[in-house]
């Protein structure tokens, strides 16, 4: 089995169509999608933002 890891920079509020198109164009099977969550500190409190996604694809032989 071979796997390929893709790094996709996204803004989840705006890039839903791009993410959908990317996933539909993959040749193999999506094993996992791992978000990179970055904390953000603001005057009213702390929150978090997703910088990029790691998408693990299992390649079909």
C-alpha atoms as a PDB file:
ATOM      1  CA  UNK A   1       0.000   0.000   0.000  1.00  0.00           C
ATOM      2  CA  UNK A   2       1.165   3.469  -0.814  1.00  0.00           C
ATOM      3  CA  UNK A   3      -0.024   6.679   0.763  1.00  0.00           C
ATOM      4  CA  UNK A   4       0.283  10.304  -0.287  1.00  0.00           C
ATOM      5  CA  UNK A   5      -0.091  13.300   2.036  1.00  0.00           C
ATOM      6  CA  UNK A   6      -1.473  16.544   0.608  1.00  0.00           C
ATOM      7  CA  UNK A   7      -1.220  19.903   2.376  1.00  0.00           C
ATOM      8  CA  UNK A   8      -4.085  22.198   1.490  1.00  0.00           C
ATOM      9  CA  UNK A   9      -4.152  25.785   2.779  1.00  0.00           C
ATOM     10  CA  UNK A  10      -7.751  26.779   3.386  1.00  0.00           C
ATOM     11  CA  UNK A  11     -10.014  29.357   4.908  1.00  0.00           C
ATOM     12  CA  UNK A  12     -12.921  27.119   5.890  1.00  0.00           C
ATOM     13  CA  UNK A  13     -15.441  29.965   5.732  1.00  0.00           C
ATOM     14  CA  UNK A  14     -14.641  30.758   2.081  1.00  0.00           C
ATOM     15  CA  UNK A  15     -13.013  27.695   0.481  1.00  0.00           C
ATOM     16  CA  UNK A  16     -15.738  25.068   0.768  1.00  0.00           C
ATOM     17  CA  UNK A  17     -16.103  24.715  -3.028  1.00  0.00           C
ATOM     18  CA  UNK A  18     -12.320  24.425  -3.510  1.00  0.00           C
ATOM     19  CA  UNK A  19     -12.090  21.702  -0.842  1.00  0.00           C
ATOM     20  CA  UNK A  20     -14.993  19.796  -2.385  1.00  0.00           C
ATOM     21  CA  UNK A  21     -13.430  19.972  -5.853  1.00  0.00           C
ATOM     22  CA  UNK A  22     -10.025  18.866  -4.515  1.00  0.00           C
ATOM     23  CA  UNK A  23     -11.517  15.840  -2.744  1.00  0.00           C
ATOM     24  CA  UNK A  24     -13.542  14.827  -5.795  1.00  0.00           C
ATOM     25  CA  UNK A  25     -10.436  14.945  -8.020  1.00  0.00           C
ATOM     26  CA  UNK A  26      -8.356  12.564  -5.876  1.00  0.00           C
ATOM     27  CA  UNK A  27      -7.545   9.225  -7.540  1.00  0.00           C
ATOM     28  CA  UNK A  28      -7.325   7.160  -4.366  1.00  0.00           C
ATOM     29  CA  UNK A  29      -9.279   6.733  -1.157  1.00  0.00           C
ATOM     30  CA  UNK A  30      -9.250   9.434   1.530  1.00  0.00           C
ATOM     31  CA  UNK A  31      -7.994   7.849   4.742  1.00  0.00           C
ATOM     32  CA  UNK A  32      -7.953  10.897   6.990  1.00  0.00           C
ATOM     33  CA  UNK A  33      -8.254  14.688   7.034  1.00  0.00           C
ATOM     34  CA  UNK A  34      -6.234  16.332   9.793  1.00  0.00           C
ATOM     35  CA  UNK A  35      -6.758  20.050  10.496  1.00  0.00           C
ATOM     36  CA  UNK A  36      -3.896  22.176  11.821  1.00  0.00           C
ATOM     37  CA  UNK A  37      -5.598  24.271  14.485  1.00  0.00           C
ATOM     38  CA  UNK A  38      -3.827  27.437  15.604  1.00  0.00           C
ATOM     39  CA  UNK A  39      -4.937  29.332  18.723  1.00  0.00           C
ATOM     40  CA  UNK A  40      -5.707  33.023  18.358  1.00  0.00           C
ATOM     41  CA  UNK A  41      -5.830  35.404  21.316  1.00  0.00           C
ATOM     42  CA  UNK A  42      -8.093  38.429  20.975  1.00  0.00           C
ATOM     43  CA  UNK A  43      -9.135  41.148  23.448  1.00  0.00           C
ATOM     44  CA  UNK A  44     -12.519  39.476  24.031  1.00  0.00           C
ATOM     45  CA  UNK A  45     -11.011  36.010  24.556  1.00  0.00           C
ATOM     46  CA  UNK A  46      -9.268  33.127  22.875  1.00  0.00           C
ATOM     47  CA  UNK A  47     -10.428  31.312  19.758  1.00  0.00           C
ATOM     48  CA  UNK A  48      -8.925  29.014  17.130  1.00  0.00           C
ATOM     49  CA  UNK A  49      -8.358  29.023  13.382  1.00  0.00           C
ATOM     50  CA  UNK A  50      -7.616  26.230  10.903  1.00  0.00           C
ATOM     51  CA  UNK A  51      -4.519  27.170   8.858  1.00  0.00           C
ATOM     52  CA  UNK A  52      -4.310  24.123   6.626  1.00  0.00           C
ATOM     53  CA  UNK A  53      -5.508  20.565   6.216  1.00  0.00           C
ATOM     54  CA  UNK A  54      -3.386  17.452   5.822  1.00  0.00           C
ATOM     55  CA  UNK A  55      -5.258  15.006   3.596  1.00  0.00           C
ATOM     56  CA  UNK A  56      -3.976  11.419   3.602  1.00  0.00           C
ATOM     57  CA  UNK A  57      -4.768   9.521   0.432  1.00  0.00           C
ATOM     58  CA  UNK A  58      -4.410   5.765  -0.029  1.00  0.00           C
ATOM     59  CA  UNK A  59      -3.258   5.223  -3.603  1.00  0.00           C
ATOM     60  CA  UNK A  60      -4.983   2.564  -5.677  1.00  0.00           C
ATOM     61  CA  UNK A  61      -2.632   0.161  -7.480  1.00  0.00           C
END
